[in-house]
Full PDB file with SEQRES, HELIX, SHEET, SSBOND, CRYST1, ORIGX, SCALE, CONECT and MASTER records, all heavy atoms in Angstrom:
SEQRES   1 A   32  ALA ILE ASP ARG GLY ILE ASP VAL GLY ILE ASP GLU GLY          
SEQRES   2 A   32  LEU ARG ILE GLU ARG ALA CYS TYR ASP VAL THR LEU TYR          
SEQRES   3 A   32  SER GLU ASP ARG ASP GLU                                      
HELIX    1 AA1 ILE A    2  GLY A    5  1                                   4    
HELIX    2 AA2 ILE A   10  LEU A   25  1                                  16    
HELIX    3 AA3 GLU A   28  ASP A   31  1                                   4    
CRYST1    1.000    1.000    1.000  90.00  90.00  90.00 P 1           1          
ORIGX1      1.000000  0.000000  0.000000        0.00000                         
ORIGX2      0.000000  1.000000  0.000000        0.00000                         
ORIGX3      0.000000  0.000000  1.000000        0.00000                         
SCALE1      1.000000  0.000000  0.000000        0.00000                         
SCALE2      0.000000  1.000000  0.000000        0.00000                         
SCALE3      0.000000  0.000000  1.000000        0.00000                         
ATOM      1  N   ALA A   1      -5.383   0.229  -1.374  1.00  0.00           N  
ATOM      2  CA  ALA A   1      -4.685   1.472  -1.048  1.00  0.00           C  
ATOM      3  C   ALA A   1      -5.497   2.685  -1.486  1.00  0.00           C  
ATOM      4  O   ALA A   1      -5.576   3.687  -0.759  1.00  0.00           O  
ATOM      5  CB  ALA A   1      -3.310   1.482  -1.712  1.00  0.00           C  
ATOM      6  N   ILE A   2      -6.103   2.598  -2.656  1.00  0.00           N  
ATOM      7  CA  ILE A   2      -6.935   3.710  -3.135  1.00  0.00           C  
ATOM      8  C   ILE A   2      -8.160   3.891  -2.252  1.00  0.00           C  
ATOM      9  O   ILE A   2      -8.471   5.007  -1.792  1.00  0.00           O  
ATOM     10  CB  ILE A   2      -7.355   3.480  -4.599  1.00  0.00           C  
ATOM     11  CG1 ILE A   2      -6.136   3.508  -5.528  1.00  0.00           C  
ATOM     12  CG2 ILE A   2      -8.370   4.535  -5.036  1.00  0.00           C  
ATOM     13  CD1 ILE A   2      -6.431   3.048  -6.943  1.00  0.00           C  
ATOM     14  N   ASP A   3      -8.889   2.798  -2.024  1.00  0.00           N  
ATOM     15  CA  ASP A   3     -10.145   2.888  -1.288  1.00  0.00           C  
ATOM     16  C   ASP A   3      -9.939   3.337   0.156  1.00  0.00           C  
ATOM     17  O   ASP A   3     -10.709   4.145   0.681  1.00  0.00           O  
ATOM     18  CB  ASP A   3     -10.859   1.531  -1.309  1.00  0.00           C  
ATOM     19  CG  ASP A   3     -11.447   1.200  -2.671  1.00  0.00           C  
ATOM     20  OD1 ASP A   3     -11.492   2.106  -3.524  1.00  0.00           O  
ATOM     21  OD2 ASP A   3     -11.847   0.038  -2.882  1.00  0.00           O  
ATOM     22  N   ARG A   4      -8.897   2.829   0.803  1.00  0.00           N  
ATOM     23  CA  ARG A   4      -8.656   3.217   2.199  1.00  0.00           C  
ATOM     24  C   ARG A   4      -8.003   4.595   2.305  1.00  0.00           C  
ATOM     25  O   ARG A   4      -8.190   5.299   3.303  1.00  0.00           O  
ATOM     26  CB  ARG A   4      -7.765   2.178   2.887  1.00  0.00           C  
ATOM     27  CG  ARG A   4      -8.434   0.837   3.122  1.00  0.00           C  
ATOM     28  CD  ARG A   4      -7.456  -0.149   3.739  1.00  0.00           C  
ATOM     29  NE  ARG A   4      -6.894   0.369   4.982  1.00  0.00           N  
ATOM     30  CZ  ARG A   4      -5.783  -0.105   5.548  1.00  0.00           C  
ATOM     31  NH1 ARG A   4      -5.109  -1.085   4.957  1.00  0.00           N  
ATOM     32  NH2 ARG A   4      -5.338   0.408   6.676  1.00  0.00           N  
ATOM     33  N   GLY A   5      -7.272   5.000   1.300  1.00  0.00           N  
ATOM     34  CA  GLY A   5      -6.541   6.257   1.373  1.00  0.00           C  
ATOM     35  C   GLY A   5      -7.309   7.485   0.935  1.00  0.00           C  
ATOM     36  O   GLY A   5      -6.912   8.607   1.250  1.00  0.00           O  
ATOM     37  N   ILE A   6      -8.429   7.281   0.209  1.00  0.00           N  
ATOM     38  CA  ILE A   6      -9.124   8.413  -0.405  1.00  0.00           C  
ATOM     39  C   ILE A   6      -9.712   9.377   0.626  1.00  0.00           C  
ATOM     40  O   ILE A   6      -9.857  10.573   0.372  1.00  0.00           O  
ATOM     41  CB  ILE A   6     -10.236   7.916  -1.359  1.00  0.00           C  
ATOM     42  CG1 ILE A   6     -10.773   9.062  -2.220  1.00  0.00           C  
ATOM     43  CG2 ILE A   6     -11.367   7.250  -0.589  1.00  0.00           C  
ATOM     44  CD1 ILE A   6      -9.787   9.596  -3.206  1.00  0.00           C  
ATOM     45  N   ASP A   7     -10.055   8.876   1.800  1.00  0.00           N  
ATOM     46  CA  ASP A   7     -10.747   9.711   2.781  1.00  0.00           C  
ATOM     47  C   ASP A   7      -9.890  10.088   3.986  1.00  0.00           C  
ATOM     48  O   ASP A   7     -10.394  10.553   5.003  1.00  0.00           O  
ATOM     49  CB  ASP A   7     -12.015   9.005   3.278  1.00  0.00           C  
ATOM     50  CG  ASP A   7     -13.045   8.848   2.177  1.00  0.00           C  
ATOM     51  OD1 ASP A   7     -13.179   9.781   1.365  1.00  0.00           O  
ATOM     52  OD2 ASP A   7     -13.698   7.794   2.128  1.00  0.00           O  
ATOM     53  N   VAL A   8      -8.567   9.897   3.881  1.00  0.00           N  
ATOM     54  CA  VAL A   8      -7.682  10.261   4.988  1.00  0.00           C  
ATOM     55  C   VAL A   8      -6.662  11.286   4.507  1.00  0.00           C  
ATOM     56  O   VAL A   8      -6.540  11.560   3.313  1.00  0.00           O  
ATOM     57  CB  VAL A   8      -6.960   9.020   5.554  1.00  0.00           C  
ATOM     58  CG1 VAL A   8      -7.972   7.990   6.052  1.00  0.00           C  
ATOM     59  CG2 VAL A   8      -6.043   8.391   4.515  1.00  0.00           C  
ATOM     60  N   GLY A   9      -5.935  11.861   5.440  1.00  0.00           N  
ATOM     61  CA  GLY A   9      -4.895  12.814   5.086  1.00  0.00           C  
ATOM     62  C   GLY A   9      -3.761  12.139   4.330  1.00  0.00           C  
ATOM     63  O   GLY A   9      -3.618  10.907   4.352  1.00  0.00           O  
ATOM     64  N   ILE A  10      -2.915  12.936   3.685  1.00  0.00           N  
ATOM     65  CA  ILE A  10      -1.860  12.402   2.841  1.00  0.00           C  
ATOM     66  C   ILE A  10      -0.878  11.540   3.629  1.00  0.00           C  
ATOM     67  O   ILE A  10      -0.430  10.490   3.141  1.00  0.00           O  
ATOM     68  CB  ILE A  10      -1.109  13.545   2.100  1.00  0.00           C  
ATOM     69  CG1 ILE A  10      -0.067  12.974   1.130  1.00  0.00           C  
ATOM     70  CG2 ILE A  10      -0.490  14.514   3.086  1.00  0.00           C  
ATOM     71  CD1 ILE A  10      -0.651  12.192  -0.015  1.00  0.00           C  
ATOM     72  N   ASP A  11      -0.543  11.931   4.841  1.00  0.00           N  
ATOM     73  CA  ASP A  11       0.411  11.147   5.620  1.00  0.00           C  
ATOM     74  C   ASP A  11      -0.140   9.757   5.933  1.00  0.00           C  
ATOM     75  O   ASP A  11       0.564   8.750   5.798  1.00  0.00           O  
ATOM     76  CB  ASP A  11       0.769  11.871   6.924  1.00  0.00           C  
ATOM     77  CG  ASP A  11       1.616  13.110   6.680  1.00  0.00           C  
ATOM     78  OD1 ASP A  11       2.250  13.188   5.605  1.00  0.00           O  
ATOM     79  OD2 ASP A  11       1.643  13.994   7.561  1.00  0.00           O  
ATOM     80  N   GLU A  12      -1.397   9.699   6.356  1.00  0.00           N  
ATOM     81  CA  GLU A  12      -2.010   8.407   6.640  1.00  0.00           C  
ATOM     82  C   GLU A  12      -2.189   7.615   5.340  1.00  0.00           C  
ATOM     83  O   GLU A  12      -2.005   6.397   5.314  1.00  0.00           O  
ATOM     84  CB  GLU A  12      -3.370   8.594   7.327  1.00  0.00           C  
ATOM     85  CG  GLU A  12      -4.143   7.316   7.596  1.00  0.00           C  
ATOM     86  CD  GLU A  12      -3.451   6.364   8.553  1.00  0.00           C  
ATOM     87  OE1 GLU A  12      -2.448   6.763   9.184  1.00  0.00           O  
ATOM     88  OE2 GLU A  12      -3.911   5.218   8.670  1.00  0.00           O  
ATOM     89  N   GLY A  13      -2.526   8.317   4.269  1.00  0.00           N  
ATOM     90  CA  GLY A  13      -2.662   7.650   2.983  1.00  0.00           C  
ATOM     91  C   GLY A  13      -1.360   7.004   2.525  1.00  0.00           C  
ATOM     92  O   GLY A  13      -1.345   5.885   2.002  1.00  0.00           O  
ATOM     93  N   LEU A  14      -0.255   7.696   2.722  1.00  0.00           N  
ATOM     94  CA  LEU A  14       1.050   7.137   2.350  1.00  0.00           C  
ATOM     95  C   LEU A  14       1.417   5.947   3.237  1.00  0.00           C  
ATOM     96  O   LEU A  14       2.063   4.997   2.775  1.00  0.00           O  
ATOM     97  CB  LEU A  14       2.121   8.223   2.449  1.00  0.00           C  
ATOM     98  CG  LEU A  14       2.027   9.337   1.394  1.00  0.00           C  
ATOM     99  CD1 LEU A  14       3.014  10.450   1.701  1.00  0.00           C  
ATOM    100  CD2 LEU A  14       2.252   8.783  -0.005  1.00  0.00           C  
ATOM    101  N   ARG A  15       0.992   5.987   4.499  1.00  0.00           N  
ATOM    102  CA  ARG A  15       1.243   4.842   5.378  1.00  0.00           C  
ATOM    103  C   ARG A  15       0.476   3.618   4.882  1.00  0.00           C  
ATOM    104  O   ARG A  15       1.012   2.497   4.860  1.00  0.00           O  
ATOM    105  CB  ARG A  15       0.821   5.183   6.815  1.00  0.00           C  
ATOM    106  CG  ARG A  15       1.226   4.125   7.831  1.00  0.00           C  
ATOM    107  CD  ARG A  15       0.482   4.280   9.139  1.00  0.00           C  
ATOM    108  NE  ARG A  15      -0.940   4.031   8.975  1.00  0.00           N  
ATOM    109  CZ  ARG A  15      -1.475   2.807   8.877  1.00  0.00           C  
ATOM    110  NH1 ARG A  15      -0.699   1.735   8.911  1.00  0.00           N  
ATOM    111  NH2 ARG A  15      -2.766   2.665   8.751  1.00  0.00           N  
ATOM    112  N   ILE A  16      -0.772   3.850   4.488  1.00  0.00           N  
ATOM    113  CA  ILE A  16      -1.589   2.760   3.953  1.00  0.00           C  
ATOM    114  C   ILE A  16      -0.975   2.220   2.664  1.00  0.00           C  
ATOM    115  O   ILE A  16      -0.877   1.005   2.458  1.00  0.00           O  
ATOM    116  CB  ILE A  16      -3.033   3.246   3.690  1.00  0.00           C  
ATOM    117  CG1 ILE A  16      -3.733   3.544   5.022  1.00  0.00           C  
ATOM    118  CG2 ILE A  16      -3.821   2.226   2.883  1.00  0.00           C  
ATOM    119  CD1 ILE A  16      -5.056   4.258   4.871  1.00  0.00           C  
ATOM    120  N   GLU A  17      -0.532   3.117   1.804  1.00  0.00           N  
ATOM    121  CA  GLU A  17       0.089   2.702   0.542  1.00  0.00           C  
ATOM    122  C   GLU A  17       1.310   1.827   0.800  1.00  0.00           C  
ATOM    123  O   GLU A  17       1.502   0.792   0.147  1.00  0.00           O  
ATOM    124  CB  GLU A  17       0.478   3.930  -0.278  1.00  0.00           C  
ATOM    125  CG  GLU A  17       1.130   3.586  -1.612  1.00  0.00           C  
ATOM    126  CD  GLU A  17       1.611   4.830  -2.333  1.00  0.00           C  
ATOM    127  OE1 GLU A  17       2.562   5.475  -1.823  1.00  0.00           O  
ATOM    128  OE2 GLU A  17       1.051   5.160  -3.377  1.00  0.00           O  
ATOM    129  N   ARG A  18       2.154   2.238   1.752  1.00  0.00           N  
ATOM    130  CA  ARG A  18       3.365   1.476   2.044  1.00  0.00           C  
ATOM    131  C   ARG A  18       3.029   0.087   2.590  1.00  0.00           C  
ATOM    132  O   ARG A  18       3.669  -0.917   2.225  1.00  0.00           O  
ATOM    133  CB  ARG A  18       4.245   2.229   3.034  1.00  0.00           C  
ATOM    134  CG  ARG A  18       5.513   1.473   3.435  1.00  0.00           C  
ATOM    135  CD  ARG A  18       6.368   1.083   2.214  1.00  0.00           C  
ATOM    136  NE  ARG A  18       7.442   0.186   2.578  1.00  0.00           N  
ATOM    137  CZ  ARG A  18       8.669   0.601   2.934  1.00  0.00           C  
ATOM    138  NH1 ARG A  18       8.939   1.907   2.973  1.00  0.00           N  
ATOM    139  NH2 ARG A  18       9.604  -0.265   3.237  1.00  0.00           N  
ATOM    140  N   ALA A  19       2.039   0.019   3.458  1.00  0.00           N  
ATOM    141  CA  ALA A  19       1.646  -1.273   4.019  1.00  0.00           C  
ATOM    142  C   ALA A  19       1.150  -2.208   2.924  1.00  0.00           C  
ATOM    143  O   ALA A  19       1.471  -3.408   2.916  1.00  0.00           O  
ATOM    144  CB  ALA A  19       0.569  -1.075   5.086  1.00  0.00           C  
ATOM    145  N   CYS A  20       0.390  -1.673   1.975  1.00  0.00           N  
ATOM    146  CA  CYS A  20      -0.102  -2.487   0.859  1.00  0.00           C  
ATOM    147  C   CYS A  20       1.046  -2.874  -0.067  1.00  0.00           C  
ATOM    148  O   CYS A  20       1.088  -3.995  -0.601  1.00  0.00           O  
ATOM    149  CB  CYS A  20      -1.174  -1.732   0.086  1.00  0.00           C  
ATOM    150  SG  CYS A  20      -2.727  -1.509   0.992  1.00  0.00           S  
ATOM    151  N   TYR A  21       1.989  -1.965  -0.243  1.00  0.00           N  
ATOM    152  CA  TYR A  21       3.142  -2.243  -1.102  1.00  0.00           C  
ATOM    153  C   TYR A  21       3.975  -3.384  -0.529  1.00  0.00           C  
ATOM    154  O   TYR A  21       4.444  -4.263  -1.263  1.00  0.00           O  
ATOM    155  CB  TYR A  21       4.001  -0.988  -1.246  1.00  0.00           C  
ATOM    156  CG  TYR A  21       5.193  -1.174  -2.155  1.00  0.00           C  
ATOM    157  CD1 TYR A  21       5.078  -0.983  -3.521  1.00  0.00           C  
ATOM    158  CD2 TYR A  21       6.429  -1.549  -1.637  1.00  0.00           C  
ATOM    159  CE1 TYR A  21       6.171  -1.157  -4.365  1.00  0.00           C  
ATOM    160  CE2 TYR A  21       7.525  -1.729  -2.459  1.00  0.00           C  
ATOM    161  CZ  TYR A  21       7.391  -1.526  -3.831  1.00  0.00           C  
ATOM    162  OH  TYR A  21       8.473  -1.724  -4.652  1.00  0.00           O  
ATOM    163  N   ASP A  22       4.166  -3.373   0.788  1.00  0.00           N  
ATOM    164  CA  ASP A  22       4.994  -4.391   1.418  1.00  0.00           C  
ATOM    165  C   ASP A  22       4.420  -5.788   1.230  1.00  0.00           C  
ATOM    166  O   ASP A  22       5.161  -6.769   1.160  1.00  0.00           O  
ATOM    167  CB  ASP A  22       5.160  -4.090   2.908  1.00  0.00           C  
ATOM    168  CG  ASP A  22       6.135  -2.941   3.161  1.00  0.00           C  
ATOM    169  OD1 ASP A  22       6.833  -2.547   2.208  1.00  0.00           O  
ATOM    170  OD2 ASP A  22       6.183  -2.436   4.297  1.00  0.00           O  
ATOM    171  N   VAL A  23       3.099  -5.894   1.141  1.00  0.00           N  
ATOM    172  CA  VAL A  23       2.482  -7.203   0.908  1.00  0.00           C  
ATOM    173  C   VAL A  23       2.902  -7.751  -0.449  1.00  0.00           C  
ATOM    174  O   VAL A  23       3.184  -8.939  -0.598  1.00  0.00           O  
ATOM    175  CB  VAL A  23       0.949  -7.104   1.000  1.00  0.00           C  
ATOM    176  CG1 VAL A  23       0.295  -8.413   0.585  1.00  0.00           C  
ATOM    177  CG2 VAL A  23       0.524  -6.726   2.417  1.00  0.00           C  
ATOM    178  N   THR A  24       2.958  -6.874  -1.452  1.00  0.00           N  
ATOM    179  CA  THR A  24       3.361  -7.332  -2.788  1.00  0.00           C  
ATOM    180  C   THR A  24       4.875  -7.511  -2.880  1.00  0.00           C  
ATOM    181  O   THR A  24       5.357  -8.331  -3.668  1.00  0.00           O  
ATOM    182  CB  THR A  24       2.893  -6.337  -3.869  1.00  0.00           C  
ATOM    183  OG1 THR A  24       3.520  -5.055  -3.654  1.00  0.00           O  
ATOM    184  CG2 THR A  24       1.387  -6.153  -3.821  1.00  0.00           C  
ATOM    185  N   LEU A  25       5.613  -6.759  -2.092  1.00  0.00           N  
ATOM    186  CA  LEU A  25       7.079  -6.812  -2.152  1.00  0.00           C  
ATOM    187  C   LEU A  25       7.606  -8.205  -1.837  1.00  0.00           C  
ATOM    188  O   LEU A  25       8.565  -8.671  -2.460  1.00  0.00           O  
ATOM    189  CB  LEU A  25       7.668  -5.787  -1.181  1.00  0.00           C  
ATOM    190  CG  LEU A  25       9.203  -5.696  -1.113  1.00  0.00           C  
ATOM    191  CD1 LEU A  25       9.768  -5.272  -2.455  1.00  0.00           C  
ATOM    192  CD2 LEU A  25       9.613  -4.723  -0.014  1.00  0.00           C  
ATOM    193  N   TYR A  26       6.972  -8.858  -0.880  1.00  0.00           N  
ATOM    194  CA  TYR A  26       7.438 -10.178  -0.457  1.00  0.00           C  
ATOM    195  C   TYR A  26       6.555 -11.291  -1.047  1.00  0.00           C  
ATOM    196  O   TYR A  26       6.225 -12.260  -0.381  1.00  0.00           O  
ATOM    197  CB  TYR A  26       7.453 -10.252   1.068  1.00  0.00           C  
ATOM    198  CG  TYR A  26       8.399  -9.250   1.686  1.00  0.00           C  
ATOM    199  CD1 TYR A  26       7.914  -8.069   2.230  1.00  0.00           C  
ATOM    200  CD2 TYR A  26       9.774  -9.466   1.680  1.00  0.00           C  
ATOM    201  CE1 TYR A  26       8.780  -7.120   2.774  1.00  0.00           C  
ATOM    202  CE2 TYR A  26      10.647  -8.532   2.222  1.00  0.00           C  
ATOM    203  CZ  TYR A  26      10.143  -7.362   2.770  1.00  0.00           C  
ATOM    204  OH  TYR A  26      11.008  -6.426   3.295  1.00  0.00           O  
ATOM    205  N   SER A  27       6.201 -11.147  -2.303  1.00  0.00           N  
ATOM    206  CA  SER A  27       5.358 -12.140  -2.966  1.00  0.00           C  
ATOM    207  C   SER A  27       6.121 -12.857  -4.070  1.00  0.00           C  
ATOM    208  O   SER A  27       7.099 -12.333  -4.628  1.00  0.00           O  
ATOM    209  CB  SER A  27       4.116 -11.467  -3.568  1.00  0.00           C  
ATOM    210  OG  SER A  27       4.482 -10.617  -4.644  1.00  0.00           O  
ATOM    211  N   GLU A  28       5.670 -14.054  -4.395  1.00  0.00           N  
ATOM    212  CA  GLU A  28       6.265 -14.806  -5.496  1.00  0.00           C  
ATOM    213  C   GLU A  28       6.025 -14.092  -6.828  1.00  0.00           C  
ATOM    214  O   GLU A  28       6.874 -14.147  -7.727  1.00  0.00           O  
ATOM    215  CB  GLU A  28       5.680 -16.218  -5.538  1.00  0.00           C  
ATOM    216  CG  GLU A  28       6.060 -17.086  -4.349  1.00  0.00           C  
ATOM    217  CD  GLU A  28       5.456 -18.470  -4.429  1.00  0.00           C  
ATOM    218  OE1 GLU A  28       5.045 -18.875  -5.543  1.00  0.00           O  
ATOM    219  OE2 GLU A  28       5.391 -19.154  -3.396  1.00  0.00           O  
ATOM    220  N   ASP A  29       4.874 -13.444  -6.952  1.00  0.00           N  
ATOM    221  CA  ASP A  29       4.574 -12.740  -8.193  1.00  0.00           C  
ATOM    222  C   ASP A  29       5.540 -11.586  -8.437  1.00  0.00           C  
ATOM    223  O   ASP A  29       5.865 -11.269  -9.591  1.00  0.00           O  
ATOM    224  CB  ASP A  29       3.129 -12.217  -8.170  1.00  0.00           C  
ATOM    225  CG  ASP A  29       2.126 -13.295  -8.546  1.00  0.00           C  
ATOM    226  OD1 ASP A  29       2.557 -14.351  -9.042  1.00  0.00           O  
ATOM    227  OD2 ASP A  29       0.921 -13.076  -8.354  1.00  0.00           O  
ATOM    228  N   ARG A  30       5.992 -10.956  -7.376  1.00  0.00           N  
ATOM    229  CA  ARG A  30       6.973  -9.875  -7.541  1.00  0.00           C  
ATOM    230  C   ARG A  30       8.261 -10.435  -8.125  1.00  0.00           C  
ATOM    231  O   ARG A  30       8.842  -9.861  -9.061  1.00  0.00           O  
ATOM    232  CB  ARG A  30       7.230  -9.205  -6.199  1.00  0.00           C  
ATOM    233  CG  ARG A  30       8.181  -8.023  -6.251  1.00  0.00           C  
ATOM    234  CD  ARG A  30       9.569  -8.412  -5.756  1.00  0.00           C  
ATOM    235  NE  ARG A  30      10.445  -7.252  -5.640  1.00  0.00           N  
ATOM    236  CZ  ARG A  30      11.725  -7.324  -5.310  1.00  0.00           C  
ATOM    237  NH1 ARG A  30      12.282  -8.507  -5.081  1.00  0.00           N  
ATOM    238  NH2 ARG A  30      12.459  -6.229  -5.225  1.00  0.00           N  
ATOM    239  N   ASP A  31       8.715 -11.575  -7.613  1.00  0.00           N  
ATOM    240  CA  ASP A  31       9.925 -12.197  -8.150  1.00  0.00           C  
ATOM    241  C   ASP A  31       9.724 -12.621  -9.596  1.00  0.00           C  
ATOM    242  O   ASP A  31      10.616 -12.453 -10.445  1.00  0.00           O  
ATOM    243  CB  ASP A  31      10.303 -13.413  -7.299  1.00  0.00           C  
ATOM    244  CG  ASP A  31      10.668 -13.025  -5.872  1.00  0.00           C  
ATOM    245  OD1 ASP A  31      11.057 -11.860  -5.660  1.00  0.00           O  
ATOM    246  OD2 ASP A  31      10.556 -13.880  -4.981  1.00  0.00           O  
ATOM    247  N   GLU A  32       8.534 -13.159  -9.894  1.00  0.00           N  
ATOM    248  CA  GLU A  32       8.239 -13.588 -11.261  1.00  0.00           C  
ATOM    249  C   GLU A  32       8.187 -12.398 -12.209  1.00  0.00           C  
ATOM    250  O   GLU A  32       8.677 -12.459 -13.343  1.00  0.00           O  
ATOM    251  CB  GLU A  32       6.911 -14.339 -11.294  1.00  0.00           C  
ATOM    252  CG  GLU A  32       6.288 -14.532 -12.672  1.00  0.00           C  
ATOM    253  CD  GLU A  32       7.137 -15.345 -13.637  1.00  0.00           C  
ATOM    254  OE1 GLU A  32       8.114 -16.012 -13.197  1.00  0.00           O  
ATOM    255  OE2 GLU A  32       6.849 -15.305 -14.847  1.00  0.00           O  
TER     256      GLU A  32                                                      
MASTER        0    0    0    3    0    0    0    6  255    1    0    3          
END                                                                             
């Protein structure tokens, strides 16, 4: 999220952040 978001506008950066967040949201580690 940091590496892909650093060179784009804030709106696109937040979209990237959310997409990366969703990957962790549905993980076993999140439940643990």
